[in-house]
PDB file of N, CA and C in Angstrom:
ATOM      1  N   MET A   1     -16.173  -1.229  -8.993  1.00  0.00           N
ATOM      2  CA  MET A   1     -16.938  -1.207  -7.771  1.00  0.00           C
ATOM      3  C   MET A   1     -16.188  -0.366  -6.738  1.00  0.00           C
ATOM      4  N   LEU A   2     -16.903   0.503  -6.075  1.00  0.00           N
ATOM      5  CA  LEU A   2     -16.291   1.369  -5.069  1.00  0.00           C
ATOM      6  C   LEU A   2     -16.226   0.669  -3.721  1.00  0.00           C
ATOM      7  N   ALA A   3     -15.170   0.973  -2.973  1.00  0.00           N
ATOM      8  CA  ALA A   3     -14.984   0.398  -1.648  1.00  0.00           C
ATOM      9  C   ALA A   3     -14.571   1.493  -0.674  1.00  0.00           C
ATOM     10  N   ILE A   4     -15.014   1.355   0.555  1.00  0.00           N
ATOM     11  CA  ILE A   4     -14.565   2.227   1.639  1.00  0.00           C
ATOM     12  C   ILE A   4     -13.453   1.456   2.333  1.00  0.00           C
ATOM     13  N   LYS A   5     -12.231   1.981   2.279  1.00  0.00           N
ATOM     14  CA  LYS A   5     -11.097   1.238   2.801  1.00  0.00           C
ATOM     15  C   LYS A   5     -10.113   2.147   3.514  1.00  0.00           C
ATOM     16  N   LEU A   6      -9.121   1.530   4.140  1.00  0.00           N
ATOM     17  CA  LEU A   6      -8.101   2.261   4.877  1.00  0.00           C
ATOM     18  C   LEU A   6      -6.883   2.490   3.996  1.00  0.00           C
ATOM     19  N   LYS A   7      -6.306   3.669   4.114  1.00  0.00           N
ATOM     20  CA  LYS A   7      -5.071   4.009   3.425  1.00  0.00           C
ATOM     21  C   LYS A   7      -4.045   4.343   4.504  1.00  0.00           C
ATOM     22  N   ARG A   8      -2.946   3.606   4.523  1.00  0.00           N
ATOM     23  CA  ARG A   8      -1.942   3.789   5.575  1.00  0.00           C
ATOM     24  C   ARG A   8      -1.131   5.048   5.336  1.00  0.00           C
ATOM     25  N   THR A   9      -0.973   5.825   6.388  1.00  0.00           N
ATOM     26  CA  THR A   9      -0.117   7.004   6.359  1.00  0.00           C
ATOM     27  C   THR A   9       0.744   6.975   7.617  1.00  0.00           C
ATOM     28  N   GLY A  10       1.615   7.935   7.768  1.00  0.00           N
ATOM     29  CA  GLY A  10       2.436   7.998   8.973  1.00  0.00           C
ATOM     30  C   GLY A  10       3.811   7.409   8.757  1.00  0.00           C
ATOM     31  N   LYS A  11       4.631   7.508   9.806  1.00  0.00           N
ATOM     32  CA  LYS A  11       6.001   7.024   9.739  1.00  0.00           C
ATOM     33  C   LYS A  11       6.070   5.544  10.085  1.00  0.00           C
ATOM     34  N   LYS A  12       7.283   4.992   9.977  1.00  0.00           N
ATOM     35  CA  LYS A  12       7.505   3.601  10.383  1.00  0.00           C
ATOM     36  C   LYS A  12       7.152   3.440  11.844  1.00  0.00           C
ATOM     37  N   HIS A  13       6.454   2.382  12.173  1.00  0.00           N
ATOM     38  CA  HIS A  13       6.061   2.034  13.540  1.00  0.00           C
ATOM     39  C   HIS A  13       5.138   3.078  14.177  1.00  0.00           C
ATOM     40  N   GLN A  14       4.640   4.029  13.412  1.00  0.00           N
ATOM     41  CA  GLN A  14       3.684   5.025  13.907  1.00  0.00           C
ATOM     42  C   GLN A  14       2.568   5.163  12.877  1.00  0.00           C
ATOM     43  N   ALA A  15       1.911   4.074  12.605  1.00  0.00           N
ATOM     44  CA  ALA A  15       0.910   4.057  11.555  1.00  0.00           C
ATOM     45  C   ALA A  15      -0.318   4.872  11.949  1.00  0.00           C
ATOM     46  N   SER A  16      -0.864   5.547  10.988  1.00  0.00           N
ATOM     47  CA  SER A  16      -2.184   6.140  11.103  1.00  0.00           C
ATOM     48  C   SER A  16      -2.850   5.883   9.758  1.00  0.00           C
ATOM     49  N   PHE A  17      -4.148   5.964   9.736  1.00  0.00           N
ATOM     50  CA  PHE A  17      -4.880   5.568   8.541  1.00  0.00           C
ATOM     51  C   PHE A  17      -5.884   6.638   8.137  1.00  0.00           C
ATOM     52  N   ARG A  18      -6.100   6.762   6.845  1.00  0.00           N
ATOM     53  CA  ARG A  18      -7.167   7.581   6.283  1.00  0.00           C
ATOM     54  C   ARG A  18      -8.268   6.635   5.843  1.00  0.00           C
ATOM     55  N   VAL A  19      -9.506   6.995   6.100  1.00  0.00           N
ATOM     56  CA  VAL A  19     -10.647   6.229   5.599  1.00  0.00           C
ATOM     57  C   VAL A  19     -11.049   6.905   4.295  1.00  0.00           C
ATOM     58  N   ILE A  20     -10.973   6.154   3.195  1.00  0.00           N
ATOM     59  CA  ILE A  20     -11.204   6.736   1.876  1.00  0.00           C
ATOM     60  C   ILE A  20     -12.224   5.918   1.093  1.00  0.00           C
ATOM     61  N   VAL A  21     -12.752   6.540   0.055  1.00  0.00           N
ATOM     62  CA  VAL A  21     -13.561   5.835  -0.936  1.00  0.00           C
ATOM     63  C   VAL A  21     -12.723   5.778  -2.195  1.00  0.00           C
ATOM     64  N   ALA A  22     -12.529   4.569  -2.711  1.00  0.00           N
ATOM     65  CA  ALA A  22     -11.731   4.394  -3.927  1.00  0.00           C
ATOM     66  C   ALA A  22     -12.228   3.152  -4.647  1.00  0.00           C
ATOM     67  N   GLU A  23     -11.766   3.000  -5.860  1.00  0.00           N
ATOM     68  CA  GLU A  23     -12.078   1.799  -6.626  1.00  0.00           C
ATOM     69  C   GLU A  23     -11.529   0.589  -5.867  1.00  0.00           C
ATOM     70  N   LYS A  24     -12.274  -0.484  -5.812  1.00  0.00           N
ATOM     71  CA  LYS A  24     -11.900  -1.665  -5.026  1.00  0.00           C
ATOM     72  C   LYS A  24     -10.521  -2.196  -5.394  1.00  0.00           C
ATOM     73  N   ARG A  25     -10.206  -2.245  -6.677  1.00  0.00           N
ATOM     74  CA  ARG A  25      -8.958  -2.852  -7.126  1.00  0.00           C
ATOM     75  C   ARG A  25      -7.822  -1.843  -7.313  1.00  0.00           C
ATOM     76  N   SER A  26      -8.005  -0.596  -6.914  1.00  0.00           N
ATOM     77  CA  SER A  26      -6.958   0.405  -7.109  1.00  0.00           C
ATOM     78  C   SER A  26      -5.845   0.243  -6.082  1.00  0.00           C
ATOM     79  N   LYS A  27      -4.685   0.767  -6.408  1.00  0.00           N
ATOM     80  CA  LYS A  27      -3.540   0.722  -5.506  1.00  0.00           C
ATOM     81  C   LYS A  27      -3.796   1.649  -4.321  1.00  0.00           C
ATOM     82  N   LEU A  28      -3.208   1.327  -3.179  1.00  0.00           N
ATOM     83  CA  LEU A  28      -3.410   2.152  -1.994  1.00  0.00           C
ATOM     84  C   LEU A  28      -2.781   3.533  -2.153  1.00  0.00           C
ATOM     85  N   ALA A  29      -1.706   3.622  -2.911  1.00  0.00           N
ATOM     86  CA  ALA A  29      -1.061   4.915  -3.118  1.00  0.00           C
ATOM     87  C   ALA A  29      -1.714   5.675  -4.270  1.00  0.00           C
ATOM     88  N   GLY A  30      -2.719   5.102  -4.883  1.00  0.00           N
ATOM     89  CA  GLY A  30      -3.361   5.720  -6.034  1.00  0.00           C
ATOM     90  C   GLY A  30      -4.363   6.788  -5.628  1.00  0.00           C
ATOM     91  N   ARG A  31      -5.087   7.246  -6.621  1.00  0.00           N
ATOM     92  CA  ARG A  31      -6.059   8.313  -6.426  1.00  0.00           C
ATOM     93  C   ARG A  31      -7.303   7.783  -5.712  1.00  0.00           C
ATOM     94  N   SER A  32      -7.829   8.572  -4.770  1.00  0.00           N
ATOM     95  CA  SER A  32      -9.055   8.199  -4.080  1.00  0.00           C
ATOM     96  C   SER A  32     -10.178   9.135  -4.502  1.00  0.00           C
ATOM     97  N   THR A  33     -11.404   8.663  -4.375  1.00  0.00           N
ATOM     98  CA  THR A  33     -12.560   9.462  -4.748  1.00  0.00           C
ATOM     99  C   THR A  33     -12.855  10.532  -3.695  1.00  0.00           C
ATOM    100  N   GLU A  34     -12.845  10.120  -2.414  1.00  0.00           N
ATOM    101  CA  GLU A  34     -13.123  11.079  -1.334  1.00  0.00           C
ATOM    102  C   GLU A  34     -12.477  10.599  -0.043  1.00  0.00           C
ATOM    103  N   ASP A  35     -12.080  11.560   0.792  1.00  0.00           N
ATOM    104  CA  ASP A  35     -11.504  11.285   2.103  1.00  0.00           C
ATOM    105  C   ASP A  35     -12.637  11.381   3.126  1.00  0.00           C
ATOM    106  N   LEU A  36     -12.845  10.306   3.907  1.00  0.00           N
ATOM    107  CA  LEU A  36     -13.971  10.258   4.838  1.00  0.00           C
ATOM    108  C   LEU A  36     -13.572  10.402   6.300  1.00  0.00           C
ATOM    109  N   GLY A  37     -12.296  10.543   6.577  1.00  0.00           N
ATOM    110  CA  GLY A  37     -11.873  10.706   7.958  1.00  0.00           C
ATOM    111  C   GLY A  37     -10.524  10.072   8.191  1.00  0.00           C
ATOM    112  N   TRP A  38     -10.162   9.935   9.483  1.00  0.00           N
ATOM    113  CA  TRP A  38      -8.875   9.363   9.828  1.00  0.00           C
ATOM    114  C   TRP A  38      -9.013   8.496  11.065  1.00  0.00           C
ATOM    115  N   LEU A  39      -7.983   7.661  11.292  1.00  0.00           N
ATOM    116  CA  LEU A  39      -7.952   6.735  12.416  1.00  0.00           C
ATOM    117  C   LEU A  39      -6.520   6.643  12.906  1.00  0.00           C
ATOM    118  N   ASP A  40      -6.315   6.782  14.212  1.00  0.00           N
ATOM    119  CA  ASP A  40      -4.996   6.618  14.820  1.00  0.00           C
ATOM    120  C   ASP A  40      -5.083   5.476  15.827  1.00  0.00           C
ATOM    121  N   PRO A  41      -4.642   4.269  15.450  1.00  0.00           N
ATOM    122  CA  PRO A  41      -4.801   3.129  16.353  1.00  0.00           C
ATOM    123  C   PRO A  41      -3.930   3.201  17.612  1.00  0.00           C
ATOM    124  N   LYS A  42      -2.847   3.958  17.556  1.00  0.00           N
ATOM    125  CA  LYS A  42      -1.961   4.045  18.716  1.00  0.00           C
ATOM    126  C   LYS A  42      -2.622   4.830  19.856  1.00  0.00           C
ATOM    127  N   SER A  43      -3.216   5.975  19.541  1.00  0.00           N
ATOM    128  CA  SER A  43      -3.896   6.767  20.561  1.00  0.00           C
ATOM    129  C   SER A  43      -5.383   6.444  20.640  1.00  0.00           C
ATOM    130  N   LYS A  44      -5.865   5.562  19.766  1.00  0.00           N
ATOM    131  CA  LYS A  44      -7.258   5.120  19.702  1.00  0.00           C
ATOM    132  C   LYS A  44      -8.219   6.291  19.492  1.00  0.00           C
ATOM    133  N   LYS A  45      -7.790   7.244  18.671  1.00  0.00           N
ATOM    134  CA  LYS A  45      -8.638   8.380  18.311  1.00  0.00           C
ATOM    135  C   LYS A  45      -9.012   8.260  16.843  1.00  0.00           C
ATOM    136  N   ASN A  46     -10.160   8.817  16.503  1.00  0.00           N
ATOM    137  CA  ASN A  46     -10.553   8.854  15.096  1.00  0.00           C
ATOM    138  C   ASN A  46     -11.536   9.990  14.877  1.00  0.00           C
ATOM    139  N   ASP A  47     -11.695  10.345  13.634  1.00  0.00           N
ATOM    140  CA  ASP A  47     -12.656  11.364  13.241  1.00  0.00           C
ATOM    141  C   ASP A  47     -13.237  10.913  11.904  1.00  0.00           C
ATOM    142  N   LEU A  48     -14.499  10.529  11.914  1.00  0.00           N
ATOM    143  CA  LEU A  48     -15.148  10.011  10.716  1.00  0.00           C
ATOM    144  C   LEU A  48     -16.325  10.904  10.342  1.00  0.00           C
ATOM    145  N   LYS A  49     -16.519  11.121   9.050  1.00  0.00           N
ATOM    146  CA  LYS A  49     -17.638  11.916   8.548  1.00  0.00           C
ATOM    147  C   LYS A  49     -18.832  10.982   8.347  1.00  0.00           C
ATOM    148  N   LYS A  50     -19.691  10.921   9.369  1.00  0.00           N
ATOM    149  CA  LYS A  50     -20.794   9.958   9.376  1.00  0.00           C
ATOM    150  C   LYS A  50     -21.742  10.148   8.198  1.00  0.00           C
ATOM    151  N   ASP A  51     -22.107  11.386   7.903  1.00  0.00           N
ATOM    152  CA  ASP A  51     -23.069  11.637   6.822  1.00  0.00           C
ATOM    153  C   ASP A  51     -22.515  11.227   5.459  1.00  0.00           C
ATOM    154  N   ARG A  52     -21.229  11.476   5.226  1.00  0.00           N
ATOM    155  CA  ARG A  52     -20.626  11.095   3.939  1.00  0.00           C
ATOM    156  C   ARG A  52     -20.454   9.580   3.827  1.00  0.00           C
ATOM    157  N   ILE A  53     -20.138   8.922   4.942  1.00  0.00           N
ATOM    158  CA  ILE A  53     -20.020   7.458   4.927  1.00  0.00           C
ATOM    159  C   ILE A  53     -21.370   6.832   4.601  1.00  0.00           C
ATOM    160  N   LEU A  54     -22.423   7.315   5.250  1.00  0.00           N
ATOM    161  CA  LEU A  54     -23.759   6.784   4.974  1.00  0.00           C
ATOM    162  C   LEU A  54     -24.183   7.062   3.538  1.00  0.00           C
ATOM    163  N   TYR A  55     -23.794   8.214   2.994  1.00  0.00           N
ATOM    164  CA  TYR A  55     -24.100   8.524   1.595  1.00  0.00           C
ATOM    165  C   TYR A  55     -23.442   7.517   0.661  1.00  0.00           C
ATOM    166  N   TRP A  56     -22.145   7.254   0.872  1.00  0.00           N
ATOM    167  CA  TRP A  56     -21.434   6.347  -0.024  1.00  0.00           C
ATOM    168  C   TRP A  56     -21.954   4.920   0.092  1.00  0.00           C
ATOM    169  N   ILE A  57     -22.350   4.503   1.296  1.00  0.00           N
ATOM    170  CA  ILE A  57     -22.937   3.167   1.451  1.00  0.00           C
ATOM    171  C   ILE A  57     -24.273   3.108   0.722  1.00  0.00           C
ATOM    172  N   LYS A  58     -25.045   4.184   0.808  1.00  0.00           N
ATOM    173  CA  LYS A  58     -26.338   4.242   0.121  1.00  0.00           C
ATOM    174  C   LYS A  58     -26.162   4.191  -1.396  1.00  0.00           C
ATOM    175  N   VAL A  59     -25.104   4.819  -1.900  1.00  0.00           N
ATOM    176  CA  VAL A  59     -24.832   4.839  -3.334  1.00  0.00           C
ATOM    177  C   VAL A  59     -24.342   3.474  -3.823  1.00  0.00           C
ATOM    178  N   GLY A  60     -23.764   2.658  -2.918  1.00  0.00           N
ATOM    179  CA  GLY A  60     -23.352   1.319  -3.316  1.00  0.00           C
ATOM    180  C   GLY A  60     -21.922   0.958  -2.985  1.00  0.00           C
ATOM    181  N   ALA A  61     -21.189   1.824  -2.305  1.00  0.00           N
ATOM    182  CA  ALA A  61     -19.810   1.490  -1.921  1.00  0.00           C
ATOM    183  C   ALA A  61     -19.848   0.486  -0.777  1.00  0.00           C
ATOM    184  N   LYS A  62     -19.024  -0.543  -0.876  1.00  0.00           N
ATOM    185  CA  LYS A  62     -18.970  -1.586   0.150  1.00  0.00           C
ATOM    186  C   LYS A  62     -17.751  -1.367   1.040  1.00  0.00           C
ATOM    187  N   PRO A  63     -17.920  -1.329   2.366  1.00  0.00           N
ATOM    188  CA  PRO A  63     -16.748  -1.218   3.239  1.00  0.00           C
ATOM    189  C   PRO A  63     -15.995  -2.543   3.310  1.00  0.00           C
ATOM    190  N   THR A  64     -14.679  -2.463   3.447  1.00  0.00           N
ATOM    191  CA  THR A  64     -13.884  -3.668   3.657  1.00  0.00           C
ATOM    192  C   THR A  64     -14.241  -4.220   5.038  1.00  0.00           C
ATOM    193  N   PRO A  65     -13.935  -5.488   5.329  1.00  0.00           N
ATOM    194  CA  PRO A  65     -14.291  -6.038   6.637  1.00  0.00           C
ATOM    195  C   PRO A  65     -13.739  -5.244   7.824  1.00  0.00           C
ATOM    196  N   THR A  66     -12.506  -4.756   7.731  1.00  0.00           N
ATOM    197  CA  THR A  66     -11.924  -3.980   8.827  1.00  0.00           C
ATOM    198  C   THR A  66     -12.661  -2.658   9.006  1.00  0.00           C
ATOM    199  N   VAL A  67     -12.969  -1.988   7.908  1.00  0.00           N
ATOM    200  CA  VAL A  67     -13.698  -0.720   7.992  1.00  0.00           C
ATOM    201  C   VAL A  67     -15.120  -0.976   8.484  1.00  0.00           C
ATOM    202  N   HIS A  68     -15.732  -2.072   8.053  1.00  0.00           N
ATOM    203  CA  HIS A  68     -17.074  -2.430   8.522  1.00  0.00           C
ATOM    204  C   HIS A  68     -17.077  -2.564  10.039  1.00  0.00           C
ATOM    205  N   ASN A  69     -16.080  -3.270  10.595  1.00  0.00           N
ATOM    206  CA  ASN A  69     -15.999  -3.446  12.045  1.00  0.00           C
ATOM    207  C   ASN A  69     -15.772  -2.111  12.755  1.00  0.00           C
ATOM    208  N   LEU A  70     -15.000  -1.220  12.150  1.00  0.00           N
ATOM    209  CA  LEU A  70     -14.787   0.114  12.718  1.00  0.00           C
ATOM    210  C   LEU A  70     -16.097   0.901  12.746  1.00  0.00           C
ATOM    211  N   LEU A  71     -16.868   0.827  11.660  1.00  0.00           N
ATOM    212  CA  LEU A  71     -18.135   1.543  11.593  1.00  0.00           C
ATOM    213  C   LEU A  71     -19.149   0.984  12.585  1.00  0.00           C
ATOM    214  N   VAL A  72     -19.136  -0.317  12.813  1.00  0.00           N
ATOM    215  CA  VAL A  72     -20.023  -0.932  13.801  1.00  0.00           C
ATOM    216  C   VAL A  72     -19.628  -0.463  15.196  1.00  0.00           C
ATOM    217  N   LYS A  73     -18.320  -0.430  15.467  1.00  0.00           N
ATOM    218  CA  LYS A  73     -17.820  -0.001  16.778  1.00  0.00           C
ATOM    219  C   LYS A  73     -18.196   1.453  17.072  1.00  0.00           C
ATOM    220  N   GLU A  74     -18.145   2.299  16.053  1.00  0.00           N
ATOM    221  CA  GLU A  74     -18.466   3.719  16.226  1.00  0.00           C
ATOM    222  C   GLU A  74     -19.975   3.984  16.212  1.00  0.00           C
ATOM    223  N   GLY A  75     -20.776   2.977  15.866  1.00  0.00           N
ATOM    224  CA  GLY A  75     -22.227   3.136  15.863  1.00  0.00           C
ATOM    225  C   GLY A  75     -22.778   3.744  14.586  1.00  0.00           C
ATOM    226  N   ILE A  76     -21.996   3.801  13.539  1.00  0.00           N
ATOM    227  CA  ILE A  76     -22.451   4.369  12.271  1.00  0.00           C
ATOM    228  C   ILE A  76     -23.293   3.343  11.520  1.00  0.00           C
ATOM    229  N   VAL A  77     -22.891   2.075  11.578  1.00  0.00           N
ATOM    230  CA  VAL A  77     -23.620   0.985  10.924  1.00  0.00           C
ATOM    231  C   VAL A  77     -24.120   0.044  12.009  1.00  0.00           C
ATOM    232  N   LYS A  78     -25.371  -0.368  11.885  1.00  0.00           N
ATOM    233  CA  LYS A  78     -25.928  -1.303  12.852  1.00  0.00           C
ATOM    234  C   LYS A  78     -25.937  -2.694  12.224  1.00  0.00           C
ATOM    235  N   ALA A  79     -24.936  -3.486  12.559  1.00  0.00           N
ATOM    236  CA  ALA A  79     -24.801  -4.845  12.043  1.00  0.00           C
ATOM    237  C   ALA A  79     -23.844  -5.591  12.953  1.00  0.00           C
ATOM    238  N   ALA A  80     -23.679  -6.873  12.698  1.00  0.00           N
ATOM    239  CA  ALA A  80     -22.728  -7.673  13.461  1.00  0.00           C
ATOM    240  C   ALA A  80     -21.327  -7.467  12.893  1.00  0.00           C
ATOM    241  N   LYS A  81     -20.331  -7.607  13.753  1.00  0.00           N
ATOM    242  CA  LYS A  81     -18.955  -7.512  13.287  1.00  0.00           C
ATOM    243  C   LYS A  81     -18.605  -8.724  12.440  1.00  0.00           C
ATOM    244  N   ILE A  82     -17.634  -8.552  11.566  1.00  0.00           N
ATOM    245  CA  ILE A  82     -17.173  -9.616  10.676  1.00  0.00           C
ATOM    246  C   ILE A  82     -15.840 -10.121  11.205  1.00  0.00           C
ATOM    247  N   PRO A  83     -15.672 -11.433  11.415  1.00  0.00           N
ATOM    248  CA  PRO A  83     -14.354 -11.926  11.838  1.00  0.00           C
ATOM    249  C   PRO A  83     -13.342 -11.728  10.727  1.00  0.00           C
ATOM    250  N   VAL A  84     -12.241 -11.044  11.026  1.00  0.00           N
ATOM    251  CA  VAL A  84     -11.288 -10.674   9.993  1.00  0.00           C
ATOM    252  C   VAL A  84     -10.072 -11.594   9.973  1.00  0.00           C
ATOM    253  N   HIS A  85      -9.470 -11.834  11.117  1.00  0.00           N
ATOM    254  CA  HIS A  85      -8.198 -12.573  11.137  1.00  0.00           C
ATOM    255  C   HIS A  85      -8.328 -13.971  11.734  1.00  0.00           C
ATOM    256  N   LYS A  86      -9.511 -14.531  11.734  1.00  0.00           N
ATOM    257  CA  LYS A  86      -9.687 -15.870  12.284  1.00  0.00           C
ATOM    258  C   LYS A  86      -9.462 -16.911  11.208  1.00  0.00           C
ATOM    259  N   LYS A  87      -8.847 -18.003  11.591  1.00  0.00           N
ATOM    260  CA  LYS A  87      -8.660 -19.102  10.650  1.00  0.00           C
ATOM    261  C   LYS A  87      -9.967 -19.877  10.562  1.00  0.00           C
ATOM    262  N   PRO A  88     -10.340 -20.334   9.373  1.00  0.00           N
ATOM    263  CA  PRO A  88     -11.578 -21.098   9.263  1.00  0.00           C
ATOM    264  C   PRO A  88     -11.443 -22.441   9.970  1.00  0.00           C
ATOM    265  N   LYS A  89     -12.548 -22.865  10.583  1.00  0.00           N
ATOM    266  CA  LYS A  89     -12.528 -24.149  11.283  1.00  0.00           C
ATOM    267  C   LYS A  89     -12.504 -25.273  10.273  1.00  0.00           C
ATOM    268  N   LYS A  90     -11.744 -26.316  10.588  1.00  0.00           N
ATOM    269  CA  LYS A  90     -11.673 -27.468   9.705  1.00  0.00           C
ATOM    270  C   LYS A  90     -12.938 -28.296   9.871  1.00  0.00           C
ATOM    271  N   ALA A  91     -13.392 -28.879   8.794  1.00  0.00           N
ATOM    272  CA  ALA A  91     -14.556 -29.749   8.857  1.00  0.00           C
ATOM    273  C   ALA A  91     -14.183 -31.003   9.627  1.00  0.00           C
ATOM    274  N   ALA A  92     -15.181 -31.616  10.230  1.00  0.00           N
ATOM    275  CA  ALA A  92     -14.921 -32.831  11.007  1.00  0.00           C
ATOM    276  C   ALA A  92     -14.308 -33.882  10.083  1.00  0.00           C
ATOM    277  N   GLU A  93     -13.106 -34.251  10.416  1.00  0.00           N
ATOM    278  CA  GLU A  93     -12.399 -35.217   9.580  1.00  0.00           C
ATOM    279  C   GLU A  93     -12.945 -36.614   9.848  1.00  0.00           C
ATOM    280  N   ALA A  94     -13.063 -37.402   8.785  1.00  0.00           N
ATOM    281  CA  ALA A  94     -13.526 -38.786   8.930  1.00  0.00           C
ATOM    282  C   ALA A  94     -12.432 -39.605   9.605  1.00  0.00           C
ATOM    283  N   PRO A  95     -12.820 -40.493  10.537  1.00  0.00           N
ATOM    284  CA  PRO A  95     -11.783 -41.303  11.188  1.00  0.00           C
ATOM    285  C   PRO A  95     -11.121 -42.237  10.192  1.00  0.00           C
ATOM    286  N   ALA A  96      -9.874 -42.547  10.443  1.00  0.00           N
ATOM    287  CA  ALA A  96      -9.122 -43.426   9.552  1.00  0.00           C
ATOM    288  C   ALA A  96      -9.745 -44.824   9.576  1.00  0.00           C
ATOM    289  N   PRO A  97      -9.823 -45.493   8.425  1.00  0.00           N
ATOM    290  CA  PRO A  97     -10.412 -46.842   8.406  1.00  0.00           C
ATOM    291  C   PRO A  97      -9.527 -47.805   9.199  1.00  0.00           C
ATOM    292  N   GLN A  98     -10.192 -48.651   9.974  1.00  0.00           N
ATOM    293  CA  GLN A  98      -9.457 -49.621  10.793  1.00  0.00           C
ATOM    294  C   GLN A  98      -9.241 -50.897   9.978  1.00  0.00           C
ATOM    295  N   VAL A  99      -8.064 -51.435  10.096  1.00  0.00           N
ATOM    296  CA  VAL A  99      -7.724 -52.666   9.391  1.00  0.00           C
ATOM    297  C   VAL A  99      -7.982 -53.835  10.330  1.00  0.00           C
ATOM    298  N   ALA A 100      -8.722 -54.828   9.845  1.00  0.00           N
ATOM    299  CA  ALA A 100      -9.007 -56.001  10.675  1.00  0.00           C
ATOM    300  C   ALA A 100      -7.753 -56.858  10.789  1.00  0.00           C
ATOM    301  N   ALA A 101      -7.483 -57.302  12.008  1.00  0.00           N
ATOM    302  CA  ALA A 101      -6.304 -58.163  12.225  1.00  0.00           C
ATOM    303  C   ALA A 101      -6.648 -59.586  11.804  1.00  0.00           C
ATOM    304  N   SER A 102      -5.732 -60.272  11.107  1.00  0.00           N
ATOM    305  CA  SER A 102      -6.016 -61.637  10.673  1.00  0.00           C
ATOM    306  C   SER A 102      -5.360 -62.646  11.538  1.00  0.00           C
TER     307      SER A 102
END
């Protein structure tokens, strides 16, 4: 299954990312199918190939949650953002049984 995901590049403490299409389970340093753009979180700049991203989504590639949120922010995909780093809420715990005093 193909995925649209981020590939980290850059030096230590100066991360930048490539947006790529690759096999979902492939290594990040491995071969990618196509390069779709770049993202620099430090300067908050990016350059994404909108037509190629839409093509790969149409063909069946699924974006990772982080890439999905990036595409929503840039207006390429019209959908709700996906919570990525939130802890799941615990279900309402049943109160402890009370012991009757004798």
